[in-house]
């Protein structure tokens, strides 16, 4: 899922606004964390498992859509966080 910035600031600072990949197998964690990040002027893309997150990293690496930051759950079924790092 790709979520556009829902910034509460009228003029988000491009130097502090980040393109973030959020990976977690819990829909509630994805929803709450995404909302917090969006309110703080970031663009958020979510993945519900490590395999999907790793694929998104590979697809965007070296492109203008490359992620500035990856936030991931440390205990997920399938690919684990240490595979992504």
N, C-alpha and C. Protein backbone atom coordinates (compact mmCIF):
# COMPACT_ATOMS: atom_id res chain seq x y z
N UNK A 1 0.83 -1.16 0.00
CA UNK A 1 0.00 0.00 0.00
C UNK A 1 0.88 1.24 0.00
N UNK A 2 0.53 2.22 -0.79
CA UNK A 2 1.24 3.48 -0.83
C UNK A 2 0.34 4.55 -0.23
N UNK A 3 0.85 5.26 0.73
CA UNK A 3 0.09 6.32 1.37
C UNK A 3 0.77 7.65 1.08
N UNK A 4 0.00 8.60 0.59
CA UNK A 4 0.56 9.91 0.32
C UNK A 4 0.66 10.70 1.61
N UNK A 5 1.50 11.70 1.58
CA UNK A 5 1.70 12.53 2.76
C UNK A 5 0.41 13.23 3.14
N UNK A 6 0.03 13.10 4.40
CA UNK A 6 -1.10 13.82 4.97
C UNK A 6 -0.57 14.73 6.06
N UNK A 7 0.28 15.62 5.66
CA UNK A 7 1.01 16.46 6.59
C UNK A 7 0.11 17.50 7.24
N UNK A 8 0.27 17.66 8.56
CA UNK A 8 -0.48 18.69 9.27
C UNK A 8 0.18 20.05 9.14
N UNK A 9 1.43 20.07 8.69
CA UNK A 9 2.17 21.31 8.47
C UNK A 9 1.75 21.87 7.12
N UNK A 10 1.53 23.17 7.04
CA UNK A 10 1.09 23.76 5.78
C UNK A 10 2.20 23.77 4.72
N UNK A 11 3.44 23.68 5.14
CA UNK A 11 4.56 23.70 4.21
C UNK A 11 5.62 22.70 4.66
N UNK A 12 5.47 21.39 4.28
CA UNK A 12 6.44 20.40 4.75
C UNK A 12 7.85 20.70 4.26
N UNK A 13 8.80 20.46 5.12
CA UNK A 13 10.20 20.70 4.82
C UNK A 13 10.75 19.52 4.04
N UNK A 14 11.18 19.72 2.79
CA UNK A 14 11.70 18.61 1.99
C UNK A 14 12.98 18.00 2.55
N UNK A 15 13.65 18.71 3.45
CA UNK A 15 14.87 18.18 4.05
C UNK A 15 14.57 17.23 5.20
N UNK A 16 13.39 17.32 5.79
CA UNK A 16 13.05 16.43 6.90
C UNK A 16 11.96 15.43 6.55
N UNK A 17 11.28 15.62 5.44
CA UNK A 17 10.25 14.69 5.00
C UNK A 17 10.93 13.51 4.31
N UNK A 18 10.60 12.29 4.71
CA UNK A 18 11.27 11.10 4.19
C UNK A 18 10.29 10.15 3.51
N UNK A 19 10.84 9.36 2.59
CA UNK A 19 10.10 8.31 1.90
C UNK A 19 10.41 7.02 2.65
N UNK A 20 9.40 6.47 3.37
CA UNK A 20 9.63 5.39 4.31
C UNK A 20 8.91 4.12 3.90
N UNK A 21 9.62 3.00 3.99
CA UNK A 21 9.02 1.67 3.81
C UNK A 21 8.78 1.10 5.20
N UNK A 22 7.53 0.77 5.49
CA UNK A 22 7.13 0.21 6.77
C UNK A 22 6.72 -1.24 6.55
N UNK A 23 7.41 -2.17 7.20
CA UNK A 23 7.17 -3.60 7.01
C UNK A 23 6.74 -4.22 8.34
N UNK A 24 5.54 -4.80 8.36
CA UNK A 24 5.05 -5.46 9.58
C UNK A 24 3.93 -6.41 9.18
N UNK A 25 3.81 -7.52 9.90
CA UNK A 25 2.75 -8.47 9.60
C UNK A 25 1.46 -8.17 10.35
N UNK A 26 1.46 -7.16 11.18
CA UNK A 26 0.27 -6.77 11.92
C UNK A 26 -0.42 -5.58 11.26
N UNK A 27 -1.63 -5.76 10.75
CA UNK A 27 -2.34 -4.65 10.12
C UNK A 27 -2.54 -3.45 11.05
N UNK A 28 -2.77 -3.71 12.33
CA UNK A 28 -2.98 -2.60 13.26
C UNK A 28 -1.69 -1.79 13.46
N UNK A 29 -0.55 -2.46 13.51
CA UNK A 29 0.73 -1.75 13.64
C UNK A 29 0.98 -0.93 12.38
N UNK A 30 0.71 -1.50 11.22
CA UNK A 30 0.88 -0.75 9.96
C UNK A 30 -0.01 0.49 9.95
N UNK A 31 -1.25 0.33 10.36
CA UNK A 31 -2.21 1.44 10.33
C UNK A 31 -1.79 2.56 11.29
N UNK A 32 -1.49 2.22 12.54
CA UNK A 32 -1.16 3.24 13.54
C UNK A 32 0.17 3.92 13.22
N UNK A 33 1.17 3.14 12.89
CA UNK A 33 2.49 3.70 12.60
C UNK A 33 2.45 4.56 11.33
N UNK A 34 1.74 4.09 10.32
CA UNK A 34 1.60 4.88 9.08
C UNK A 34 0.96 6.22 9.37
N UNK A 35 -0.10 6.19 10.15
CA UNK A 35 -0.82 7.43 10.47
C UNK A 35 0.11 8.43 11.17
N UNK A 36 0.88 7.94 12.13
CA UNK A 36 1.83 8.81 12.84
C UNK A 36 2.85 9.41 11.88
N UNK A 37 3.41 8.57 11.02
CA UNK A 37 4.42 9.05 10.07
C UNK A 37 3.83 10.04 9.07
N UNK A 38 2.62 9.76 8.61
CA UNK A 38 1.96 10.66 7.67
C UNK A 38 1.69 12.03 8.30
N UNK A 39 1.28 12.02 9.55
CA UNK A 39 1.01 13.27 10.25
C UNK A 39 2.28 14.08 10.46
N UNK A 40 3.42 13.43 10.36
CA UNK A 40 4.71 14.11 10.52
C UNK A 40 5.40 14.35 9.18
N UNK A 41 4.61 14.44 8.14
CA UNK A 41 5.05 14.88 6.81
C UNK A 41 5.91 13.88 6.03
N UNK A 42 5.76 12.60 6.31
CA UNK A 42 6.50 11.60 5.57
C UNK A 42 5.59 10.90 4.57
N UNK A 43 6.19 10.34 3.54
CA UNK A 43 5.46 9.49 2.60
C UNK A 43 5.74 8.05 3.02
N UNK A 44 4.68 7.25 3.09
CA UNK A 44 4.81 5.90 3.63
C UNK A 44 4.32 4.86 2.63
N UNK A 45 5.10 3.81 2.47
CA UNK A 45 4.71 2.63 1.70
C UNK A 45 4.75 1.47 2.68
N UNK A 46 3.70 0.63 2.69
CA UNK A 46 3.66 -0.47 3.64
C UNK A 46 3.75 -1.81 2.92
N UNK A 47 4.32 -2.77 3.64
CA UNK A 47 4.39 -4.16 3.18
C UNK A 47 4.01 -5.04 4.36
N UNK A 48 3.20 -6.09 4.10
CA UNK A 48 2.69 -6.93 5.19
C UNK A 48 3.57 -8.12 5.51
N UNK A 49 4.70 -8.25 4.84
CA UNK A 49 5.63 -9.32 5.18
C UNK A 49 7.02 -8.98 4.64
N UNK A 50 8.01 -9.72 5.12
CA UNK A 50 9.39 -9.46 4.72
C UNK A 50 9.65 -9.67 3.24
N UNK A 51 9.00 -10.67 2.65
CA UNK A 51 9.20 -10.93 1.21
C UNK A 51 8.75 -9.73 0.38
N UNK A 52 7.56 -9.20 0.70
CA UNK A 52 7.04 -8.05 -0.03
C UNK A 52 7.93 -6.83 0.19
N UNK A 53 8.39 -6.63 1.43
CA UNK A 53 9.27 -5.51 1.72
C UNK A 53 10.58 -5.59 0.98
N UNK A 54 11.16 -6.78 0.95
CA UNK A 54 12.42 -6.98 0.24
C UNK A 54 12.25 -6.73 -1.26
N UNK A 55 11.14 -7.18 -1.81
CA UNK A 55 10.86 -6.95 -3.23
C UNK A 55 10.73 -5.46 -3.53
N UNK A 56 10.05 -4.72 -2.65
CA UNK A 56 9.92 -3.27 -2.85
C UNK A 56 11.29 -2.57 -2.78
N UNK A 57 12.14 -3.03 -1.87
CA UNK A 57 13.49 -2.46 -1.79
C UNK A 57 14.26 -2.69 -3.09
N UNK A 58 14.18 -3.92 -3.61
CA UNK A 58 14.89 -4.25 -4.85
C UNK A 58 14.37 -3.43 -6.02
N UNK A 59 13.04 -3.27 -6.10
CA UNK A 59 12.44 -2.54 -7.22
C UNK A 59 12.80 -1.06 -7.23
N UNK A 60 12.98 -0.48 -6.06
CA UNK A 60 13.20 0.97 -6.00
C UNK A 60 14.67 1.37 -5.84
N UNK A 61 15.53 0.41 -5.55
CA UNK A 61 16.94 0.74 -5.31
C UNK A 61 17.55 1.43 -6.53
N UNK A 62 18.17 2.57 -6.28
CA UNK A 62 18.83 3.30 -7.36
C UNK A 62 17.90 4.14 -8.21
N UNK A 63 16.63 4.21 -7.84
CA UNK A 63 15.66 5.02 -8.59
C UNK A 63 15.28 6.24 -7.73
N UNK A 64 14.58 7.20 -8.33
CA UNK A 64 14.12 8.35 -7.52
C UNK A 64 13.13 7.93 -6.41
N UNK A 65 12.52 6.76 -6.53
CA UNK A 65 11.58 6.27 -5.53
C UNK A 65 12.26 5.48 -4.40
N UNK A 66 13.58 5.42 -4.41
CA UNK A 66 14.33 4.68 -3.39
C UNK A 66 13.94 5.18 -2.01
N UNK A 67 13.84 4.28 -1.06
CA UNK A 67 13.43 4.62 0.30
C UNK A 67 14.57 5.27 1.07
N UNK A 68 14.21 6.25 1.89
CA UNK A 68 15.17 6.90 2.78
C UNK A 68 15.35 6.09 4.06
N UNK A 69 14.31 5.35 4.42
CA UNK A 69 14.31 4.65 5.69
C UNK A 69 13.40 3.42 5.59
N UNK A 70 13.82 2.33 6.24
CA UNK A 70 12.99 1.13 6.34
C UNK A 70 12.76 0.86 7.82
N UNK A 71 11.49 0.76 8.20
CA UNK A 71 11.12 0.37 9.56
C UNK A 71 10.50 -1.01 9.45
N UNK A 72 11.03 -1.97 10.21
CA UNK A 72 10.55 -3.34 10.07
C UNK A 72 10.38 -4.02 11.42
N UNK A 73 9.43 -4.92 11.46
CA UNK A 73 9.21 -5.79 12.60
C UNK A 73 10.38 -6.77 12.66
N UNK A 74 10.82 -7.11 13.85
CA UNK A 74 11.95 -8.03 13.98
C UNK A 74 11.52 -9.49 14.00
N UNK A 75 10.24 -9.75 14.18
CA UNK A 75 9.76 -11.12 14.21
C UNK A 75 8.55 -11.27 13.29
N UNK A 76 8.81 -11.75 12.09
CA UNK A 76 7.74 -11.96 11.12
C UNK A 76 7.90 -13.34 10.50
N UNK A 77 6.79 -13.93 10.06
CA UNK A 77 6.92 -15.19 9.32
C UNK A 77 7.59 -14.93 7.97
N UNK A 78 8.25 -15.91 7.45
CA UNK A 78 8.92 -15.75 6.14
C UNK A 78 10.28 -15.12 6.33
N UNK A 79 10.58 -14.10 5.52
CA UNK A 79 11.87 -13.41 5.60
C UNK A 79 11.94 -12.61 6.89
N UNK A 80 13.06 -12.64 7.53
CA UNK A 80 13.23 -11.93 8.78
C UNK A 80 13.97 -10.63 8.54
N UNK A 81 13.93 -9.75 9.54
CA UNK A 81 14.52 -8.42 9.40
C UNK A 81 16.00 -8.46 9.02
N UNK A 82 16.75 -9.42 9.51
CA UNK A 82 18.19 -9.44 9.22
C UNK A 82 18.48 -9.76 7.75
N UNK A 83 17.54 -10.34 7.05
CA UNK A 83 17.69 -10.57 5.61
C UNK A 83 17.59 -9.24 4.88
N UNK A 84 16.74 -8.36 5.36
CA UNK A 84 16.54 -7.06 4.72
C UNK A 84 17.72 -6.15 4.95
N UNK A 85 18.32 -6.18 6.14
CA UNK A 85 19.42 -5.27 6.41
C UNK A 85 20.63 -5.70 5.64
